[in-house]
């Protein structure tokens, strides 16, 4: 959801530029900063952003300046200049460089140029043109985000394919869990009570109970279903929030798979599965 857009405009002696940026965010948050006197633009900017985006932190900045007319009277603020000059002379007596005329006139507030005021009709026309520039900057931002999404899509598909491969490996490994549990339990019982009557029956019952607890078929079935859902969502944007939820479900099943694992190999697959899911989750934060 990162991106950048810019647009410029000019009308009736005004020039301006708009920059639109966005970064990742669970929900949509729009921030706007613009010039005084054009307050309606903030509402328009937020409404336009909401019409284009569903997620991300969007920042809009509009910088504008009015061209100064050549015949505008320039006024020197003499009382302020006198205070500056008095202070400068005191510093000069202490060894500082004496003030120059151009330096004094460059001090803030010494020269005052009264700003021209637009009439209501002109101000409304300029604001309407600024609104069009805002729209253009947001369109550029949207195009930027779409380009990033197009580049990201193959990466997301690769992660989903990797998860599918690991689920297949887990299914193959899980088929040997019952026998592994039985062998382990047989050795343990034989070590503790090698001559106990009915040992085989007890081993079978206990191993069956443990195997039932270690059955991961439901988790694997749900993981397979989640893979199908992920592919469907990636083909039907915007799907960022739905994918966020799906990542939680992926991780829940992977955690259960690891906790039920009875073999080192299956545990290793489960841990790798969790790592890939986490990588996919991080990339999903970029999805609209």
Protein backbone atom coordinates (compact mmCIF):
# COMPACT_ATOMS: atom_id res chain seq x y z
CA UNK A 1 0.00 0.00 0.00
CA UNK A 2 2.98 2.30 -0.34
CA UNK A 3 2.92 4.80 -3.17
CA UNK A 4 3.44 8.40 -4.26
CA UNK A 5 1.58 10.81 -6.51
CA UNK A 6 2.08 14.45 -7.45
CA UNK A 7 0.20 17.05 -9.47
CA UNK A 8 0.59 20.80 -10.05
CA UNK A 9 -1.83 23.55 -10.94
CA UNK A 10 -2.23 27.29 -11.46
CA UNK A 11 -5.11 29.75 -11.80
CA UNK A 12 -5.86 33.46 -11.24
CA UNK A 13 -2.40 34.35 -10.00
CA UNK A 14 -2.10 31.27 -7.76
CA UNK A 15 0.27 28.34 -8.23
CA UNK A 16 0.21 25.14 -6.21
CA UNK A 17 1.41 21.57 -6.01
CA UNK A 18 -0.08 18.51 -4.34
CA UNK A 19 1.84 15.49 -3.08
CA UNK A 20 0.02 12.31 -2.03
CA UNK A 21 1.83 9.54 -0.17
CA UNK A 22 0.72 6.31 1.45
CA UNK A 23 2.20 3.65 3.71
CA UNK A 24 0.82 0.44 5.15
CA UNK A 25 -2.09 0.54 7.58
CA UNK A 26 -4.74 -1.89 8.77
CA UNK A 27 -7.50 0.63 8.06
CA UNK A 28 -7.71 3.81 6.00
CA UNK A 29 -6.37 6.95 7.66
CA UNK A 30 -6.22 10.19 5.67
CA UNK A 31 -4.19 13.22 6.78
CA UNK A 32 -4.39 16.55 4.97
CA UNK A 33 -2.44 19.79 5.20
CA UNK A 34 -3.22 22.80 3.00
CA UNK A 35 -3.17 26.60 2.83
CA UNK A 36 -5.37 28.85 4.93
CA UNK A 37 -8.50 30.15 3.32
CA UNK A 38 -9.31 26.97 1.44
CA UNK A 39 -10.81 24.97 4.30
CA UNK A 40 -13.31 23.09 2.14
CA UNK A 41 -10.43 21.26 0.45
CA UNK A 42 -9.76 19.10 3.52
CA UNK A 43 -13.22 17.54 3.35
CA UNK A 44 -12.92 17.06 -0.40
CA UNK A 45 -9.47 15.48 -0.04
CA UNK A 46 -10.63 12.96 2.56
CA UNK A 47 -13.78 12.08 0.62
CA UNK A 48 -11.79 11.55 -2.57
CA UNK A 49 -9.24 9.36 -0.79
CA UNK A 50 -11.98 7.24 0.76
CA UNK A 51 -13.51 6.73 -2.68
CA UNK A 52 -10.22 5.30 -3.99
CA UNK A 53 -8.65 3.40 -1.12
CA UNK A 54 -9.70 0.95 1.57
CA UNK A 55 -6.50 0.68 3.63
CA UNK A 56 -3.30 2.54 4.37
CA UNK A 57 -2.15 5.80 5.88
CA UNK A 58 -2.59 8.44 3.19
CA UNK A 59 -0.95 11.84 3.58
CA UNK A 60 -1.95 14.75 1.34
CA UNK A 61 -0.06 18.01 1.27
CA UNK A 62 -1.08 21.06 -0.78
CA UNK A 63 1.39 23.94 -1.01
CA UNK A 64 0.17 27.15 -2.66
CA UNK A 65 1.45 30.66 -3.22
CA UNK A 66 -0.04 33.76 -4.73
CA UNK A 67 2.01 35.75 -7.21
CA UNK A 68 2.80 39.22 -5.88
CA UNK A 69 1.61 42.05 -8.09
CA UNK A 70 4.33 44.44 -9.29
CA UNK A 71 2.49 47.55 -8.08
CA UNK A 72 1.95 46.37 -4.50
CA UNK A 73 3.12 49.03 -2.03
CA UNK A 74 5.96 47.94 0.23
CA UNK A 75 5.90 49.28 3.79
CA UNK A 76 8.85 49.40 6.20
CA UNK A 77 7.94 48.68 9.79
CA UNK A 78 10.00 51.53 11.21
CA UNK A 79 9.36 50.89 14.95
CA UNK A 80 10.48 47.26 14.56
CA UNK A 81 13.49 48.34 12.45
CA UNK A 82 14.48 50.85 15.15
CA UNK A 83 14.44 48.12 17.82
CA UNK A 84 16.54 45.83 15.64
CA UNK A 85 18.99 48.68 14.95
CA UNK A 86 19.31 49.56 18.62
CA UNK A 87 20.10 45.96 19.50
CA UNK A 88 22.56 45.68 16.60
CA UNK A 89 24.40 48.84 17.73
CA UNK A 90 24.72 47.48 21.25
CA UNK A 91 26.27 44.30 19.86
CA UNK A 92 28.58 46.38 17.66
CA UNK A 93 29.89 48.21 20.74
CA UNK A 94 30.87 44.82 22.13
CA UNK A 95 32.87 44.00 19.02
CA UNK A 96 30.25 42.56 16.67
CA UNK A 97 30.17 43.54 13.00
CA UNK A 98 28.13 46.74 12.47
CA UNK A 99 24.76 46.15 10.78
CA UNK A 100 24.31 46.76 7.07
CA UNK A 101 21.23 48.23 5.46
CA UNK A 102 20.43 45.18 3.34
CA UNK A 103 20.92 42.92 6.36
CA UNK A 104 18.53 44.98 8.48
CA UNK A 105 15.87 45.07 5.77
CA UNK A 106 16.09 41.28 5.39
CA UNK A 107 15.10 40.70 9.02
CA UNK A 108 11.72 39.16 9.52
CA UNK A 109 8.86 41.63 9.78
CA UNK A 110 10.85 44.73 8.77
CA UNK A 111 9.40 44.86 5.26
CA UNK A 112 5.67 44.37 5.03
CA UNK A 113 3.90 43.75 1.75
CA UNK A 114 0.13 43.63 2.27
CA UNK A 115 -1.44 40.57 0.73
CA UNK A 116 -4.04 41.01 -1.93
CA UNK A 117 -7.39 39.52 -1.15
CA UNK A 118 -9.40 37.64 -3.75
CA UNK A 119 -13.08 38.24 -4.08
CA UNK A 120 -15.40 35.36 -3.20
CA UNK A 121 -15.92 34.34 -6.81
CA UNK A 122 -12.20 34.21 -7.59
CA UNK A 123 -11.44 32.30 -4.37
CA UNK A 124 -14.13 29.74 -5.21
CA UNK A 125 -12.75 29.29 -8.72
CA UNK A 126 -9.21 28.78 -7.44
CA UNK A 127 -10.45 26.28 -4.85
CA UNK A 128 -12.28 24.32 -7.55
CA UNK A 129 -9.07 24.10 -9.59
CA UNK A 130 -7.12 23.01 -6.51
CA UNK A 131 -9.69 20.28 -5.94
CA UNK A 132 -9.04 18.98 -9.47
CA UNK A 133 -5.32 18.88 -8.74
CA UNK A 134 -5.98 16.94 -5.54
CA UNK A 135 -7.96 14.42 -7.57
CA UNK A 136 -5.10 14.13 -10.06
CA UNK A 137 -2.55 13.52 -7.28
CA UNK A 138 -4.77 10.84 -5.74
CA UNK A 139 -5.18 9.19 -9.15
CA UNK A 140 -1.39 9.16 -9.50
CA UNK A 141 -1.08 7.64 -6.03
CA UNK A 142 -3.63 4.97 -6.90
CA UNK A 143 -1.73 4.10 -10.08
CA UNK A 144 1.49 3.88 -8.06
CA UNK A 145 -0.11 1.51 -5.56
CA UNK A 146 -1.53 -0.61 -8.37
CA UNK A 147 1.90 -0.94 -9.95
CA UNK A 148 3.31 -2.08 -6.63
CA UNK A 149 0.45 -4.55 -6.25
CA UNK A 150 1.11 -6.01 -9.69
CA UNK A 151 4.74 -6.58 -8.72
CA UNK A 152 3.71 -8.08 -5.38
CA UNK A 153 1.12 -10.52 -6.72
CA UNK A 154 3.60 -13.17 -8.00
CA UNK A 155 5.44 -13.08 -4.67
CA UNK A 156 2.21 -13.71 -2.75
CA UNK A 157 1.30 -16.56 -5.10
CA UNK A 158 4.74 -18.09 -4.53
CA UNK A 159 4.24 -18.05 -0.76
CA UNK A 160 0.82 -19.70 -1.12
CA UNK A 161 2.33 -22.37 -3.38
CA UNK A 162 5.07 -22.98 -0.81
CA UNK A 163 2.45 -23.44 1.91
CA UNK A 164 0.58 -25.90 -0.30
CA UNK A 165 3.78 -27.90 -0.84
CA UNK A 166 4.49 -28.03 2.90
CA UNK A 167 0.93 -29.16 3.61
CA UNK A 168 1.44 -32.00 1.13
CA UNK A 169 4.68 -32.98 2.85
CA UNK A 170 2.92 -32.89 6.22
CA UNK A 171 0.17 -35.17 4.91
CA UNK A 172 2.73 -37.71 3.74
CA UNK A 173 4.63 -37.57 7.02
CA UNK A 174 1.46 -37.75 9.13
CA UNK A 175 0.56 -41.15 7.67
CA UNK A 176 3.40 -42.69 9.66
CA UNK A 177 2.42 -41.08 12.96
CA UNK A 178 0.30 -43.98 14.21
CA UNK A 179 3.06 -46.52 13.65
CA UNK A 180 5.64 -44.20 15.20
CA UNK A 181 3.49 -43.77 18.30
CA UNK A 182 2.91 -47.52 18.56
CA UNK A 183 6.61 -48.33 18.31
CA UNK A 184 7.53 -45.69 20.86
CA UNK A 185 4.84 -46.84 23.26
CA UNK A 186 5.81 -50.50 22.81
CA UNK A 187 9.42 -49.79 23.74
CA UNK A 188 8.41 -47.78 26.77
CA UNK A 189 5.99 -50.40 28.11
CA UNK A 190 8.47 -53.20 27.43
CA UNK A 191 11.11 -51.33 29.42
CA UNK A 192 8.79 -50.76 32.36
CA UNK A 193 6.87 -54.06 32.47
CA UNK A 194 8.29 -56.63 30.03
CA UNK A 195 6.43 -59.61 31.53
CA UNK A 196 3.08 -58.00 32.28
CA UNK A 197 0.06 -60.09 31.16
CA UNK A 198 -2.08 -58.65 28.36
CA UNK A 199 0.73 -56.35 27.35
CA UNK A 200 -0.13 -56.40 23.63
CA UNK A 201 -3.75 -55.41 24.26
CA UNK A 202 -2.72 -52.58 26.54
CA UNK A 203 -0.18 -51.34 24.02
CA UNK A 204 -2.80 -51.35 21.27
CA UNK A 205 -5.37 -49.45 23.35
CA UNK A 206 -2.95 -46.85 24.63
CA UNK A 207 -1.34 -46.36 21.24
CA UNK A 208 -4.78 -45.95 19.67
CA UNK A 209 -5.69 -43.30 22.22
CA UNK A 210 -2.45 -41.41 21.64
CA UNK A 211 -2.85 -41.70 17.87
CA UNK A 212 -6.34 -40.18 18.11
CA UNK A 213 -4.92 -37.21 20.00
CA UNK A 214 -2.16 -36.85 17.40
CA UNK A 215 -4.49 -37.05 14.39
CA UNK A 216 -3.75 -33.98 12.27
CA UNK A 217 -6.05 -34.72 9.35
CA UNK A 218 -8.50 -31.97 10.33
CA UNK A 219 -5.72 -29.40 10.55
CA UNK A 220 -4.32 -30.45 7.19
CA UNK A 221 -7.76 -30.34 5.59
CA UNK A 222 -8.33 -26.82 6.91
CA UNK A 223 -4.90 -25.71 5.73
CA UNK A 224 -5.73 -27.04 2.26
CA UNK A 225 -9.01 -25.11 2.32
CA UNK A 226 -7.18 -21.96 3.43
CA UNK A 227 -4.80 -22.27 0.48
CA UNK A 228 -7.77 -22.36 -1.88
CA UNK A 229 -9.31 -19.34 -0.13
CA UNK A 230 -6.06 -17.39 -0.35
CA UNK A 231 -5.83 -17.97 -4.10
CA UNK A 232 -9.42 -16.90 -4.55
CA UNK A 233 -8.91 -13.69 -2.54
CA UNK A 234 -5.73 -12.79 -4.40
CA UNK A 235 -7.73 -12.94 -7.60
CA UNK A 236 -10.52 -10.71 -6.29
CA UNK A 237 -9.04 -7.48 -4.84
CA UNK A 238 -9.47 -5.56 -2.65
CA UNK A 239 -8.96 -8.36 -0.13
CA UNK A 240 -6.42 -7.07 2.40
CA UNK A 241 -8.59 -7.35 5.50
CA UNK A 242 -9.88 -10.79 4.54
CA UNK A 243 -6.33 -11.96 3.95
CA UNK A 244 -5.32 -10.58 7.36
CA UNK A 245 -7.96 -12.79 8.97
CA UNK A 246 -6.96 -15.77 6.83
CA UNK A 247 -3.34 -15.42 8.01
CA UNK A 248 -4.54 -15.84 11.58
CA UNK A 249 -6.37 -19.01 10.61
CA UNK A 250 -3.31 -20.32 8.78
CA UNK A 251 -1.15 -19.78 11.84
CA UNK A 252 -3.69 -21.33 14.20
CA UNK A 253 -3.73 -24.57 12.21
CA UNK A 254 0.07 -24.61 11.89
CA UNK A 255 0.43 -24.20 15.67
CA UNK A 256 -1.97 -27.08 16.31
CA UNK A 257 -0.11 -29.22 13.79
CA UNK A 258 3.14 -28.67 15.66
CA UNK A 259 1.56 -29.39 19.05
CA UNK A 260 0.09 -32.69 17.79
CA UNK A 261 3.22 -33.82 15.98
CA UNK A 262 4.64 -37.16 17.10
CA UNK A 263 7.69 -37.15 14.84
CA UNK A 264 10.66 -34.85 14.48
CA UNK A 265 10.13 -34.66 10.73
CA UNK A 266 6.52 -33.50 11.06
CA UNK A 267 7.52 -30.94 13.67
CA UNK A 268 10.16 -29.60 11.29
CA UNK A 269 7.60 -29.27 8.52
CA UNK A 270 5.24 -27.50 10.90
CA UNK A 271 7.91 -25.01 11.96
CA UNK A 272 8.84 -24.27 8.36
CA UNK A 273 5.16 -23.84 7.58
CA UNK A 274 4.84 -21.28 10.36
CA UNK A 275 7.84 -19.37 9.01
CA UNK A 276 6.37 -19.19 5.50
CA UNK A 277 2.97 -18.12 6.85
CA UNK A 278 4.64 -15.32 8.81
CA UNK A 279 6.46 -14.15 5.68
CA UNK A 280 3.18 -14.17 3.79
CA UNK A 281 1.48 -12.27 6.61
CA UNK A 282 4.09 -9.52 6.41
CA UNK A 283 3.53 -9.13 2.66
CA UNK A 284 -0.25 -9.17 3.07
CA UNK A 285 0.10 -5.86 4.96
CA UNK A 286 0.82 -4.35 1.53
CA UNK A 287 -2.46 -5.56 0.05
CA UNK A 288 -5.36 -3.19 -0.44
